[in-house]
Amino acid sequence: MPQKNFAKKVKLSKKGNQTKWAPVWAVMKKFGPGRKVHPSVITKTKRTWRRNKLRIKPRKQRKSHMG
C-alpha cells in the first residue's frame, strides 16, 4: 500500500514536537531550583487541536482524467 500525504505527516510530527512541554530539568536550569514555574512557560509554540490550527494545504494532485 502506498503512503498518502507523507509530507503532511512529517509537518504534523514536527509541529507536535514543538508544542511539547519542557522537561523538569530544563525548568530547574533556567529558573533555578527555588522557583516553581510550569514547564509550558518555556514552550515556544502553544497549540491544541481546539484552539490553533496549522492550516496545512493539501498538495496539488493530477486529475485522473488527464492521464
N, C-alpha and C. Protein backbone atom coordinates (compact mmCIF):
# COMPACT_ATOMS: atom_id res chain seq x y z
N MET A 1 0.83 -1.18 0.00
CA MET A 1 0.00 0.00 0.00
C MET A 1 0.88 1.25 0.00
N PRO A 2 0.60 2.18 -0.89
CA PRO A 2 1.39 3.40 -0.91
C PRO A 2 1.02 4.33 0.24
N GLN A 3 2.01 5.10 0.67
CA GLN A 3 1.75 6.07 1.73
C GLN A 3 1.18 7.34 1.12
N LYS A 4 0.07 7.80 1.67
CA LYS A 4 -0.52 9.04 1.20
C LYS A 4 -0.11 10.17 2.13
N ASN A 5 0.08 11.35 1.56
CA ASN A 5 0.34 12.56 2.33
C ASN A 5 1.52 12.40 3.29
N PHE A 6 2.63 11.92 2.78
CA PHE A 6 3.81 11.74 3.64
C PHE A 6 4.32 13.09 4.13
N ALA A 7 4.31 14.10 3.25
CA ALA A 7 4.79 15.44 3.63
C ALA A 7 3.93 16.03 4.74
N LYS A 8 2.64 15.76 4.67
CA LYS A 8 1.73 16.27 5.70
C LYS A 8 2.03 15.62 7.05
N LYS A 9 2.31 14.32 7.02
CA LYS A 9 2.64 13.61 8.25
C LYS A 9 3.93 14.15 8.87
N VAL A 10 4.91 14.46 8.02
CA VAL A 10 6.17 14.99 8.51
C VAL A 10 5.95 16.34 9.18
N LYS A 11 5.14 17.20 8.54
CA LYS A 11 4.87 18.52 9.10
C LYS A 11 4.12 18.41 10.43
N LEU A 12 3.16 17.50 10.48
CA LEU A 12 2.39 17.33 11.71
C LEU A 12 3.27 16.82 12.85
N SER A 13 4.17 15.89 12.53
CA SER A 13 5.04 15.36 13.59
C SER A 13 5.99 16.43 14.10
N LYS A 14 6.47 17.28 13.21
CA LYS A 14 7.37 18.36 13.63
C LYS A 14 6.63 19.35 14.52
N LYS A 15 5.43 19.73 14.12
CA LYS A 15 4.64 20.67 14.92
C LYS A 15 4.25 20.06 16.26
N GLY A 16 4.01 18.74 16.27
CA GLY A 16 3.68 18.07 17.52
C GLY A 16 4.82 18.12 18.51
N ASN A 17 6.05 18.00 18.00
CA ASN A 17 7.21 18.08 18.89
C ASN A 17 7.43 19.49 19.40
N GLN A 18 7.07 20.49 18.61
CA GLN A 18 7.28 21.87 19.03
C GLN A 18 6.34 22.29 20.15
N THR A 19 5.22 21.58 20.31
CA THR A 19 4.24 22.01 21.30
C THR A 19 4.37 21.27 22.63
N LYS A 20 5.35 20.41 22.75
CA LYS A 20 5.50 19.66 24.00
C LYS A 20 6.06 20.55 25.10
N TRP A 21 5.71 20.22 26.32
CA TRP A 21 6.23 20.97 27.45
C TRP A 21 7.71 20.66 27.63
N ALA A 22 8.39 21.59 28.25
CA ALA A 22 9.81 21.40 28.52
C ALA A 22 9.98 20.39 29.65
N PRO A 23 11.08 19.64 29.68
CA PRO A 23 11.32 18.72 30.78
C PRO A 23 11.60 19.48 32.08
N VAL A 24 11.45 18.79 33.20
CA VAL A 24 11.59 19.42 34.52
C VAL A 24 13.00 19.96 34.71
N TRP A 25 13.99 19.24 34.24
CA TRP A 25 15.36 19.69 34.45
C TRP A 25 15.65 20.98 33.69
N ALA A 26 14.96 21.22 32.57
CA ALA A 26 15.16 22.46 31.82
C ALA A 26 14.60 23.65 32.59
N VAL A 27 13.49 23.43 33.28
CA VAL A 27 12.90 24.49 34.11
C VAL A 27 13.83 24.82 35.27
N MET A 28 14.40 23.78 35.90
CA MET A 28 15.33 23.99 37.01
C MET A 28 16.57 24.74 36.53
N LYS A 29 17.04 24.39 35.33
CA LYS A 29 18.25 25.01 34.80
C LYS A 29 18.01 26.49 34.48
N LYS A 30 16.84 26.80 33.95
CA LYS A 30 16.57 28.17 33.52
C LYS A 30 16.20 29.08 34.69
N PHE A 31 15.32 28.62 35.58
CA PHE A 31 14.79 29.49 36.63
C PHE A 31 15.40 29.23 38.00
N GLY A 32 16.16 28.15 38.16
CA GLY A 32 16.75 27.84 39.46
C GLY A 32 15.86 26.88 40.23
N PRO A 33 16.44 26.19 41.24
CA PRO A 33 15.68 25.16 41.96
C PRO A 33 14.58 25.70 42.87
N GLY A 34 14.67 26.97 43.27
CA GLY A 34 13.69 27.50 44.22
C GLY A 34 12.41 28.01 43.57
N ARG A 35 12.45 28.28 42.28
CA ARG A 35 11.30 28.90 41.61
C ARG A 35 10.39 27.83 41.04
N LYS A 36 9.10 27.92 41.34
CA LYS A 36 8.15 26.94 40.83
C LYS A 36 7.44 27.53 39.62
N VAL A 37 7.81 27.04 38.45
CA VAL A 37 7.26 27.53 37.19
C VAL A 37 6.73 26.33 36.42
N HIS A 38 5.62 26.53 35.72
CA HIS A 38 5.06 25.44 34.92
C HIS A 38 5.93 25.20 33.69
N PRO A 39 6.14 23.94 33.29
CA PRO A 39 7.01 23.64 32.14
C PRO A 39 6.52 24.24 30.83
N SER A 40 5.24 24.59 30.73
CA SER A 40 4.74 25.14 29.46
C SER A 40 5.22 26.58 29.24
N VAL A 41 5.81 27.20 30.26
CA VAL A 41 6.30 28.57 30.11
C VAL A 41 7.44 28.61 29.10
N ILE A 42 8.28 27.59 29.09
CA ILE A 42 9.44 27.57 28.20
C ILE A 42 9.03 27.20 26.78
N THR A 43 7.92 26.49 26.61
CA THR A 43 7.50 26.06 25.28
C THR A 43 7.17 27.28 24.43
N LYS A 44 7.76 27.33 23.24
CA LYS A 44 7.60 28.50 22.39
C LYS A 44 6.21 28.53 21.74
N THR A 45 5.82 27.44 21.09
CA THR A 45 4.58 27.41 20.34
C THR A 45 3.54 26.65 21.14
N LYS A 46 2.48 27.32 21.53
CA LYS A 46 1.41 26.66 22.26
C LYS A 46 0.26 26.43 21.29
N ARG A 47 -0.12 25.17 21.11
CA ARG A 47 -1.16 24.87 20.14
C ARG A 47 -1.94 23.66 20.62
N THR A 48 -3.24 23.67 20.39
CA THR A 48 -4.05 22.49 20.65
C THR A 48 -4.98 22.30 19.48
N TRP A 49 -5.60 21.16 19.38
CA TRP A 49 -6.47 20.87 18.24
C TRP A 49 -7.70 21.77 18.26
N ARG A 50 -8.05 22.28 19.42
CA ARG A 50 -9.25 23.10 19.53
C ARG A 50 -8.98 24.56 19.19
N ARG A 51 -7.81 25.05 19.57
CA ARG A 51 -7.55 26.48 19.52
C ARG A 51 -6.88 26.93 18.22
N ASN A 52 -5.66 26.52 17.99
CA ASN A 52 -4.89 27.00 16.83
C ASN A 52 -4.73 25.89 15.82
N LYS A 53 -5.10 26.15 14.60
CA LYS A 53 -4.96 25.16 13.52
C LYS A 53 -3.65 25.41 12.77
N LEU A 54 -3.18 24.39 12.08
CA LEU A 54 -1.91 24.51 11.35
C LEU A 54 -2.09 25.07 9.95
N ARG A 55 -3.26 24.87 9.37
CA ARG A 55 -3.55 25.34 8.00
C ARG A 55 -2.56 24.75 6.99
N ILE A 56 -2.38 23.43 7.04
CA ILE A 56 -1.54 22.75 6.06
C ILE A 56 -2.39 22.49 4.83
N LYS A 57 -1.95 23.02 3.70
CA LYS A 57 -2.70 22.84 2.47
C LYS A 57 -2.36 21.49 1.86
N PRO A 58 -3.34 20.80 1.31
CA PRO A 58 -3.02 19.57 0.61
C PRO A 58 -2.30 19.89 -0.69
N ARG A 59 -1.36 19.02 -1.06
CA ARG A 59 -0.62 19.31 -2.29
C ARG A 59 -1.49 19.03 -3.50
N LYS A 60 -1.17 19.68 -4.59
CA LYS A 60 -1.98 19.54 -5.80
C LYS A 60 -1.74 18.16 -6.42
N GLN A 61 -2.80 17.48 -6.77
CA GLN A 61 -2.69 16.18 -7.39
C GLN A 61 -3.16 16.24 -8.83
N ARG A 62 -2.59 15.37 -9.64
CA ARG A 62 -3.00 15.31 -11.04
C ARG A 62 -4.41 14.77 -11.14
N LYS A 63 -5.16 15.34 -12.05
CA LYS A 63 -6.50 14.85 -12.26
C LYS A 63 -6.44 13.51 -13.00
N SER A 64 -7.25 12.57 -12.55
CA SER A 64 -7.16 11.23 -13.12
C SER A 64 -7.62 11.18 -14.57
N HIS A 65 -8.50 12.06 -14.96
CA HIS A 65 -8.99 12.00 -16.33
C HIS A 65 -8.02 12.66 -17.33
N MET A 66 -6.96 13.31 -16.83
CA MET A 66 -5.98 13.94 -17.71
C MET A 66 -4.92 12.95 -18.18
N GLY A 67 -4.81 11.81 -17.54
CA GLY A 67 -3.84 10.82 -17.98
C GLY A 67 -2.58 10.76 -17.18
